């Protein structure tokens, strides 16, 4: 970890589809126990940034550093072993596998066999439905399962892409509370890409607005300019 306490750092990151550069010089530094949110309209680069951070999309230039380790050149599974965990948009759980089996896939990089008790304490509904197939869960329960699977890899940094997508408003509040609980128990970094501003304001210590593949506006929770952020999100 850096001297200033930074656990996760993105330095001047650029990525491209072929010749077309879609991320332009992204800088981000996150401390343990901090939740940051990246907001912006569709097509502004949020999901592309997430894919670049986890290694699905290669970086053209710049660095991605987890707890002092440069992971920029590593494959996705190697980044997970270094402490990055990713909950993709649409959740992508294994529908035919049980809840327990889904979570166990996250254990692979840790060498553990048993799901830590703490995970079921955080997600009591998953403990109750341990033997149920993932595909038979509701959208909110599948989102909890995707987060639990990511936590099973014992990450230092948790990346979530549009965690509220397709989830009813009452459950969105539960997801927000859950992320705050995870932060306080694990003291990890959480980076969320999101469009639902109420959810972002509920969880984020800092908010970064993306437009055209760049970070164009930053606010802290204490000094948040809700109207300015809403203008960026307006179509």
C-alpha atoms as a PDB file:
ATOM      1  CA  UNK A   1       0.000   0.000   0.000  1.00  0.00           C
ATOM      2  CA  UNK A   2       1.176   3.528  -0.741  1.00  0.00           C
ATOM      3  CA  UNK A   3       2.260   5.862   2.055  1.00  0.00           C
ATOM      4  CA  UNK A   4      -0.922   7.921   1.712  1.00  0.00           C
ATOM      5  CA  UNK A   5      -3.005   4.789   2.395  1.00  0.00           C
ATOM      6  CA  UNK A   6      -4.141   4.257  -1.195  1.00  0.00           C
ATOM      7  CA  UNK A   7      -5.176   0.639  -1.819  1.00  0.00           C
ATOM      8  CA  UNK A   8      -6.285   0.940  -5.440  1.00  0.00           C
ATOM      9  CA  UNK A   9      -4.870   3.300  -8.010  1.00  0.00           C
ATOM     10  CA  UNK A  10      -5.568   3.911 -11.688  1.00  0.00           C
ATOM     11  CA  UNK A  11      -2.959   6.099 -13.356  1.00  0.00           C
ATOM     12  CA  UNK A  12      -3.555   7.797 -16.707  1.00  0.00           C
ATOM     13  CA  UNK A  13      -5.431   4.754 -18.063  1.00  0.00           C
ATOM     14  CA  UNK A  14      -6.412   4.702 -21.728  1.00  0.00           C
ATOM     15  CA  UNK A  15      -8.152   1.887 -23.605  1.00  0.00           C
ATOM     16  CA  UNK A  16      -9.290   1.456 -27.189  1.00  0.00           C
ATOM     17  CA  UNK A  17     -11.482  -0.704 -29.389  1.00  0.00           C
ATOM     18  CA  UNK A  18      -9.155  -1.160 -32.361  1.00  0.00           C
ATOM     19  CA  UNK A  19      -8.006   2.321 -33.373  1.00  0.00           C
ATOM     20  CA  UNK A  20     -10.832   4.047 -31.521  1.00  0.00           C
ATOM     21  CA  UNK A  21      -9.747   5.233 -28.066  1.00  0.00           C
ATOM     22  CA  UNK A  22     -12.659   5.063 -25.626  1.00  0.00           C
ATOM     23  CA  UNK A  23     -10.968   5.821 -22.284  1.00  0.00           C
ATOM     24  CA  UNK A  24      -8.743   8.879 -22.117  1.00  0.00           C
ATOM     25  CA  UNK A  25      -6.322   9.249 -19.210  1.00  0.00           C
ATOM     26  CA  UNK A  26      -8.429   8.021 -16.280  1.00  0.00           C
ATOM     27  CA  UNK A  27      -6.972   8.743 -12.828  1.00  0.00           C
ATOM     28  CA  UNK A  28      -8.445   7.279  -9.659  1.00  0.00           C
ATOM     29  CA  UNK A  29      -7.086   6.602  -6.157  1.00  0.00           C
ATOM     30  CA  UNK A  30      -9.137   4.759  -3.543  1.00  0.00           C
ATOM     31  CA  UNK A  31      -8.332   4.074   0.112  1.00  0.00           C
ATOM     32  CA  UNK A  32      -9.388   1.029   2.179  1.00  0.00           C
ATOM     33  CA  UNK A  33     -12.911   1.446   3.517  1.00  0.00           C
ATOM     34  CA  UNK A  34     -13.832   3.942   0.826  1.00  0.00           C
ATOM     35  CA  UNK A  35     -16.758   3.622  -1.593  1.00  0.00           C
ATOM     36  CA  UNK A  36     -16.437   5.562  -4.833  1.00  0.00           C
ATOM     37  CA  UNK A  37     -19.052   5.759  -7.562  1.00  0.00           C
ATOM     38  CA  UNK A  38     -18.577   6.363 -11.259  1.00  0.00           C
ATOM     39  CA  UNK A  39     -21.692   7.854 -12.807  1.00  0.00           C
ATOM     40  CA  UNK A  40     -22.595   8.917 -16.317  1.00  0.00           C
ATOM     41  CA  UNK A  41     -25.038   8.262 -19.108  1.00  0.00           C
ATOM     42  CA  UNK A  42     -24.919   5.096 -21.195  1.00  0.00           C
ATOM     43  CA  UNK A  43     -22.033   5.031 -23.641  1.00  0.00           C
ATOM     44  CA  UNK A  44     -19.819   7.368 -21.602  1.00  0.00           C
ATOM     45  CA  UNK A  45     -17.230   4.690 -20.781  1.00  0.00           C
ATOM     46  CA  UNK A  46     -18.245   3.343 -17.352  1.00  0.00           C
ATOM     47  CA  UNK A  47     -18.563  -0.323 -18.323  1.00  0.00           C
ATOM     48  CA  UNK A  48     -15.504  -0.077 -20.571  1.00  0.00           C
ATOM     49  CA  UNK A  49     -13.539   1.211 -17.578  1.00  0.00           C
ATOM     50  CA  UNK A  50     -14.741  -1.726 -15.472  1.00  0.00           C
ATOM     51  CA  UNK A  51     -13.710  -4.199 -18.194  1.00  0.00           C
ATOM     52  CA  UNK A  52     -10.298  -2.534 -18.414  1.00  0.00           C
ATOM     53  CA  UNK A  53      -9.831  -2.691 -14.629  1.00  0.00           C
ATOM     54  CA  UNK A  54     -10.547  -6.420 -14.458  1.00  0.00           C
ATOM     55  CA  UNK A  55      -8.543  -7.147 -17.619  1.00  0.00           C
ATOM     56  CA  UNK A  56     -11.269  -8.215 -20.048  1.00  0.00           C
ATOM     57  CA  UNK A  57     -10.229  -5.262 -22.196  1.00  0.00           C
ATOM     58  CA  UNK A  58      -6.496  -4.473 -22.450  1.00  0.00           C
ATOM     59  CA  UNK A  59      -5.177  -1.047 -21.531  1.00  0.00           C
ATOM     60  CA  UNK A  60      -3.494   0.950 -24.291  1.00  0.00           C
ATOM     61  CA  UNK A  61      -1.489   2.924 -21.733  1.00  0.00           C
ATOM     62  CA  UNK A  62      -1.408   3.733 -18.040  1.00  0.00           C
ATOM     63  CA  UNK A  63      -1.308   1.590 -14.901  1.00  0.00           C
ATOM     64  CA  UNK A  64      -3.673  -0.273 -12.593  1.00  0.00           C
ATOM     65  CA  UNK A  65      -2.202  -0.866  -9.122  1.00  0.00           C
ATOM     66  CA  UNK A  66      -3.687  -3.006  -6.327  1.00  0.00           C
ATOM     67  CA  UNK A  67      -2.046  -2.648  -2.920  1.00  0.00           C
ATOM     68  CA  UNK A  68       1.275  -1.698  -4.515  1.00  0.00           C
ATOM     69  CA  UNK A  69       1.189  -4.428  -7.200  1.00  0.00           C
ATOM     70  CA  UNK A  70       0.983  -3.331 -10.842  1.00  0.00           C
ATOM     71  CA  UNK A  71      -1.649  -5.619 -12.394  1.00  0.00           C
ATOM     72  CA  UNK A  72      -1.931  -3.846 -15.771  1.00  0.00           C
ATOM     73  CA  UNK A  73      -0.355  -6.678 -17.771  1.00  0.00           C
ATOM     74  CA  UNK A  74      -2.043  -9.518 -15.856  1.00  0.00           C
ATOM     75  CA  UNK A  75      -4.889 -11.759 -17.035  1.00  0.00           C
ATOM     76  CA  UNK A  76      -8.264 -11.415 -15.242  1.00  0.00           C
ATOM     77  CA  UNK A  77      -7.778 -14.509 -13.016  1.00  0.00           C
ATOM     78  CA  UNK A  78      -4.345 -13.207 -11.979  1.00  0.00           C
ATOM     79  CA  UNK A  79      -5.871  -9.841 -11.053  1.00  0.00           C
ATOM     80  CA  UNK A  80      -8.424 -11.673  -8.903  1.00  0.00           C
ATOM     81  CA  UNK A  81      -5.553 -13.456  -7.141  1.00  0.00           C
ATOM     82  CA  UNK A  82      -3.988 -10.012  -6.505  1.00  0.00           C
ATOM     83  CA  UNK A  83      -7.154  -8.783  -4.793  1.00  0.00           C
ATOM     84  CA  UNK A  84      -9.498  -7.463  -7.514  1.00  0.00           C
ATOM     85  CA  UNK A  85     -13.059  -8.834  -7.595  1.00  0.00           C
ATOM     86  CA  UNK A  86     -15.685  -7.982 -10.193  1.00  0.00           C
ATOM     87  CA  UNK A  87     -19.480  -8.169 -10.171  1.00  0.00           C
ATOM     88  CA  UNK A  88     -20.442  -7.728 -13.836  1.00  0.00           C
ATOM     89  CA  UNK A  89     -23.478  -5.975 -15.234  1.00  0.00           C
ATOM     90  CA  UNK A  90     -26.325  -8.484 -15.462  1.00  0.00           C
ATOM     91  CA  UNK A  91     -24.767 -10.478 -12.572  1.00  0.00           C
ATOM     92  CA  UNK A  92     -23.793 -13.527 -14.704  1.00  0.00           C
ATOM     93  CA  UNK A  93     -24.284 -16.108 -12.000  1.00  0.00           C
ATOM     94  CA  UNK A  94     -24.401 -19.804 -12.923  1.00  0.00           C
ATOM     95  CA  UNK A  95     -28.130 -20.504 -13.215  1.00  0.00           C
ATOM     96  CA  UNK A  96     -27.929 -24.303 -13.089  1.00  0.00           C
ATOM     97  CA  UNK A  97     -25.561 -24.391 -10.106  1.00  0.00           C
ATOM     98  CA  UNK A  98     -26.759 -24.091  -6.512  1.00  0.00           C
ATOM     99  CA  UNK A  99     -26.210 -20.978  -4.420  1.00  0.00           C
ATOM    100  CA  UNK A 100     -23.473 -22.793  -2.488  1.00  0.00           C
ATOM    101  CA  UNK A 101     -21.734 -23.965  -5.692  1.00  0.00           C
ATOM    102  CA  UNK A 102     -21.863 -20.443  -7.150  1.00  0.00           C
ATOM    103  CA  UNK A 103     -20.156 -18.987  -4.085  1.00  0.00           C
ATOM    104  CA  UNK A 104     -17.579 -21.797  -4.055  1.00  0.00           C
ATOM    105  CA  UNK A 105     -16.391 -20.757  -7.545  1.00  0.00           C
ATOM    106  CA  UNK A 106     -15.122 -17.574  -5.878  1.00  0.00           C
ATOM    107  CA  UNK A 107     -13.020 -19.586  -3.411  1.00  0.00           C
ATOM    108  CA  UNK A 108     -10.738 -21.022  -6.101  1.00  0.00           C
ATOM    109  CA  UNK A 109      -8.043 -18.326  -5.919  1.00  0.00           C
ATOM    110  CA  UNK A 110      -7.898 -18.468  -2.096  1.00  0.00           C
ATOM    111  CA  UNK A 111      -7.197 -22.206  -1.819  1.00  0.00           C
ATOM    112  CA  UNK A 112      -9.987 -22.489   0.773  1.00  0.00           C
ATOM    113  CA  UNK A 113     -12.598 -25.235   0.615  1.00  0.00           C
ATOM    114  CA  UNK A 114     -15.186 -23.847   3.016  1.00  0.00           C
ATOM    115  CA  UNK A 115     -17.278 -20.719   2.458  1.00  0.00           C
ATOM    116  CA  UNK A 116     -16.427 -18.303   5.304  1.00  0.00           C
ATOM    117  CA  UNK A 117     -19.270 -18.091   7.843  1.00  0.00           C
ATOM    118  CA  UNK A 118     -19.127 -14.304   7.555  1.00  0.00           C
ATOM    119  CA  UNK A 119     -20.478 -14.472   3.984  1.00  0.00           C
ATOM    120  CA  UNK A 120     -23.629 -16.262   5.077  1.00  0.00           C
ATOM    121  CA  UNK A 121     -23.935 -13.830   8.001  1.00  0.00           C
ATOM    122  CA  UNK A 122     -23.898 -10.959   5.496  1.00  0.00           C
ATOM    123  CA  UNK A 123     -26.362 -12.720   3.189  1.00  0.00           C
ATOM    124  CA  UNK A 124     -28.843 -14.637   5.389  1.00  0.00           C
ATOM    125  CA  UNK A 125     -31.174 -15.247   2.425  1.00  0.00           C
ATOM    126  CA  UNK A 126     -28.350 -17.110   0.652  1.00  0.00           C
ATOM    127  CA  UNK A 127     -27.802 -19.283   3.728  1.00  0.00           C
ATOM    128  CA  UNK A 128     -31.496 -20.099   3.654  1.00  0.00           C
ATOM    129  CA  UNK A 129     -31.415 -20.913  -0.092  1.00  0.00           C
ATOM    130  CA  UNK A 130     -27.995 -22.609  -0.076  1.00  0.00           C
ATOM    131  CA  UNK A 131     -29.225 -25.620  -2.076  1.00  0.00           C
ATOM    132  CA  UNK A 132     -31.432 -23.683  -4.503  1.00  0.00           C
ATOM    133  CA  UNK A 133     -30.349 -23.188  -8.105  1.00  0.00           C
ATOM    134  CA  UNK A 134     -29.088 -19.699  -8.923  1.00  0.00           C
ATOM    135  CA  UNK A 135     -31.493 -19.395 -11.828  1.00  0.00           C
ATOM    136  CA  UNK A 136     -34.466 -19.787  -9.461  1.00  0.00           C
ATOM    137  CA  UNK A 137     -33.568 -16.717  -7.373  1.00  0.00           C
ATOM    138  CA  UNK A 138     -35.125 -13.267  -7.787  1.00  0.00           C
ATOM    139  CA  UNK A 139     -33.085 -10.465  -9.380  1.00  0.00           C
ATOM    140  CA  UNK A 140     -32.188  -8.996  -6.003  1.00  0.00           C
ATOM    141  CA  UNK A 141     -31.177 -12.392  -4.626  1.00  0.00           C
ATOM    142  CA  UNK A 142     -29.043 -13.062  -7.724  1.00  0.00           C
ATOM    143  CA  UNK A 143     -27.304  -9.720  -7.178  1.00  0.00           C
ATOM    144  CA  UNK A 144     -26.553 -10.722  -3.581  1.00  0.00           C
ATOM    145  CA  UNK A 145     -25.233 -14.057  -4.864  1.00  0.00           C
ATOM    146  CA  UNK A 146     -22.955 -12.327  -7.384  1.00  0.00           C
ATOM    147  CA  UNK A 147     -21.568 -10.083  -4.619  1.00  0.00           C
ATOM    148  CA  UNK A 148     -21.130 -13.057  -2.256  1.00  0.00           C
ATOM    149  CA  UNK A 149     -19.240 -14.971  -4.969  1.00  0.00           C
ATOM    150  CA  UNK A 150     -16.941 -11.968  -5.468  1.00  0.00           C
ATOM    151  CA  UNK A 151     -16.343 -11.670  -1.700  1.00  0.00           C
ATOM    152  CA  UNK A 152     -15.401 -15.361  -1.516  1.00  0.00           C
ATOM    153  CA  UNK A 153     -12.172 -14.501  -3.386  1.00  0.00           C
ATOM    154  CA  UNK A 154     -11.179 -12.361  -0.357  1.00  0.00           C
ATOM    155  CA  UNK A 155     -10.700  -9.159  -2.377  1.00  0.00           C
ATOM    156  CA  UNK A 156      -9.029  -5.884  -1.468  1.00  0.00           C
ATOM    157  CA  UNK A 157     -11.024  -4.078  -4.163  1.00  0.00           C
ATOM    158  CA  UNK A 158     -14.622  -4.850  -5.138  1.00  0.00           C
ATOM    159  CA  UNK A 159     -15.791  -3.593  -8.546  1.00  0.00           C
ATOM    160  CA  UNK A 160     -19.531  -3.511  -9.277  1.00  0.00           C
ATOM    161  CA  UNK A 161     -21.008  -2.652 -12.682  1.00  0.00           C
ATOM    162  CA  UNK A 162     -24.607  -1.320 -12.496  1.00  0.00           C
ATOM    163  CA  UNK A 163     -25.593  -3.330  -9.386  1.00  0.00           C
ATOM    164  CA  UNK A 164     -29.129  -1.863  -9.292  1.00  0.00           C
ATOM    165  CA  UNK A 165     -30.010  -2.828 -12.876  1.00  0.00           C
ATOM    166  CA  UNK A 166     -33.330  -4.682 -13.055  1.00  0.00           C
ATOM    167  CA  UNK A 167     -33.859  -4.546  -9.280  1.00  0.00           C
ATOM    168  CA  UNK A 168     -36.961  -3.090  -7.631  1.00  0.00           C
ATOM    169  CA  UNK A 169     -36.539   0.139  -5.595  1.00  0.00           C
ATOM    170  CA  UNK A 170     -37.133  -1.473  -2.168  1.00  0.00           C
ATOM    171  CA  UNK A 171     -34.336  -3.985  -2.842  1.00  0.00           C
ATOM    172  CA  UNK A 172     -31.970  -1.231  -4.064  1.00  0.00           C
ATOM    173  CA  UNK A 173     -31.962   0.155  -0.505  1.00  0.00           C
ATOM    174  CA  UNK A 174     -31.031  -3.330   0.782  1.00  0.00           C
ATOM    175  CA  UNK A 175     -28.118  -3.527  -1.680  1.00  0.00           C
ATOM    176  CA  UNK A 176     -26.912  -0.086  -0.505  1.00  0.00           C
ATOM    177  CA  UNK A 177     -27.022  -1.177   3.136  1.00  0.00           C
ATOM    178  CA  UNK A 178     -25.247  -4.406   2.249  1.00  0.00           C
ATOM    179  CA  UNK A 179     -22.367  -2.574   0.540  1.00  0.00           C
ATOM    180  CA  UNK A 180     -21.941  -0.300   3.567  1.00  0.00           C
ATOM    181  CA  UNK A 181     -21.882  -3.378   5.836  1.00  0.00           C
ATOM    182  CA  UNK A 182     -19.273  -5.085   3.628  1.00  0.00           C
ATOM    183  CA  UNK A 183     -17.136  -1.949   3.694  1.00  0.00           C
ATOM    184  CA  UNK A 184     -17.226  -1.700   7.471  1.00  0.00           C
ATOM    185  CA  UNK A 185     -16.590  -5.434   8.070  1.00  0.00           C
ATOM    186  CA  UNK A 186     -13.907  -6.011   5.423  1.00  0.00           C
ATOM    187  CA  UNK A 187     -12.415  -2.475   5.163  1.00  0.00           C
ATOM    188  CA  UNK A 188     -12.011  -2.973   1.419  1.00  0.00           C
ATOM    189  CA  UNK A 189     -12.300  -0.501  -1.467  1.00  0.00           C
ATOM    190  CA  UNK A 190     -15.585  -0.533  -3.353  1.00  0.00           C
ATOM    191  CA  UNK A 191     -15.859   0.990  -6.829  1.00  0.00           C
ATOM    192  CA  UNK A 192     -19.376   1.146  -8.275  1.00  0.00           C
ATOM    193  CA  UNK A 193     -20.515   2.109 -11.784  1.00  0.00           C
ATOM    194  CA  UNK A 194     -24.086   3.287 -11.567  1.00  0.00           C
ATOM    195  CA  UNK A 195     -26.805   5.448 -13.114  1.00  0.00           C
ATOM    196  CA  UNK A 196     -29.299   5.561 -10.216  1.00  0.00           C
ATOM    197  CA  UNK A 197     -28.316   8.781  -8.457  1.00  0.00           C
ATOM    198  CA  UNK A 198     -30.302   8.129  -5.252  1.00  0.00           C
ATOM    199  CA  UNK A 199     -28.358   4.870  -4.766  1.00  0.00           C
ATOM    200  CA  UNK A 200     -25.043   6.614  -5.438  1.00  0.00           C
ATOM    201  CA  UNK A 201     -25.804   9.385  -2.926  1.00  0.00           C
ATOM    202  CA  UNK A 202     -26.758   6.695  -0.393  1.00  0.00           C
ATOM    203  CA  UNK A 203     -23.433   4.842  -0.532  1.00  0.00           C
ATOM    204  CA  UNK A 204     -20.609   6.866  -2.069  1.00  0.00           C
ATOM    205  CA  UNK A 205     -17.891   8.759  -0.217  1.00  0.00           C
ATOM    206  CA  UNK A 206     -16.805  10.270  -3.544  1.00  0.00           C
ATOM    207  CA  UNK A 207     -18.538  10.554  -6.902  1.00  0.00           C
ATOM    208  CA  UNK A 208     -16.802  10.729 -10.291  1.00  0.00           C
ATOM    209  CA  UNK A 209     -18.789  11.745 -13.366  1.00  0.00           C
ATOM    210  CA  UNK A 210     -17.723  10.205 -16.673  1.00  0.00           C
ATOM    211  CA  UNK A 211     -18.423  11.755 -20.040  1.00  0.00           C
ATOM    212  CA  UNK A 212     -16.845  10.829 -23.360  1.00  0.00           C
ATOM    213  CA  UNK A 213     -14.414   8.386 -21.712  1.00  0.00           C
ATOM    214  CA  UNK A 214     -13.062  10.995 -19.295  1.00  0.00           C
ATOM    215  CA  UNK A 215     -13.690  11.955 -15.680  1.00  0.00           C
ATOM    216  CA  UNK A 216     -15.191  15.427 -15.999  1.00  0.00           C
ATOM    217  CA  UNK A 217     -16.476  16.171 -12.487  1.00  0.00           C
ATOM    218  CA  UNK A 218     -15.668  14.979  -8.946  1.00  0.00           C
ATOM    219  CA  UNK A 219     -17.561  15.524  -5.693  1.00  0.00           C
ATOM    220  CA  UNK A 220     -17.190  14.286  -2.132  1.00  0.00           C
ATOM    221  CA  UNK A 221     -20.268  13.260  -0.134  1.00  0.00           C
ATOM    222  CA  UNK A 222     -19.944  16.369   2.078  1.00  0.00           C
ATOM    223  CA  UNK A 223     -19.867  18.804  -0.839  1.00  0.00           C
ATOM    224  CA  UNK A 224     -21.983  16.981  -3.386  1.00  0.00           C
ATOM    225  CA  UNK A 225     -23.588  19.184  -6.043  1.00  0.00           C
ATOM    226  CA  UNK A 226     -26.615  17.047  -6.811  1.00  0.00           C
ATOM    227  CA  UNK A 227     -27.929  19.416  -9.475  1.00  0.00           C
ATOM    228  CA  UNK A 228     -24.621  19.430 -11.364  1.00  0.00           C
ATOM    229  CA  UNK A 229     -24.410  15.620 -11.342  1.00  0.00           C
ATOM    230  CA  UNK A 230     -28.065  15.336 -12.426  1.00  0.00           C
ATOM    231  CA  UNK A 231     -27.295  17.617 -15.393  1.00  0.00           C
ATOM    232  CA  UNK A 232     -24.499  15.278 -16.511  1.00  0.00           C
ATOM    233  CA  UNK A 233     -26.888  12.325 -16.255  1.00  0.00           C
ATOM    234  CA  UNK A 234     -29.717  14.037 -18.162  1.00  0.00           C
ATOM    235  CA  UNK A 235     -30.121  12.781 -21.711  1.00  0.00           C
END
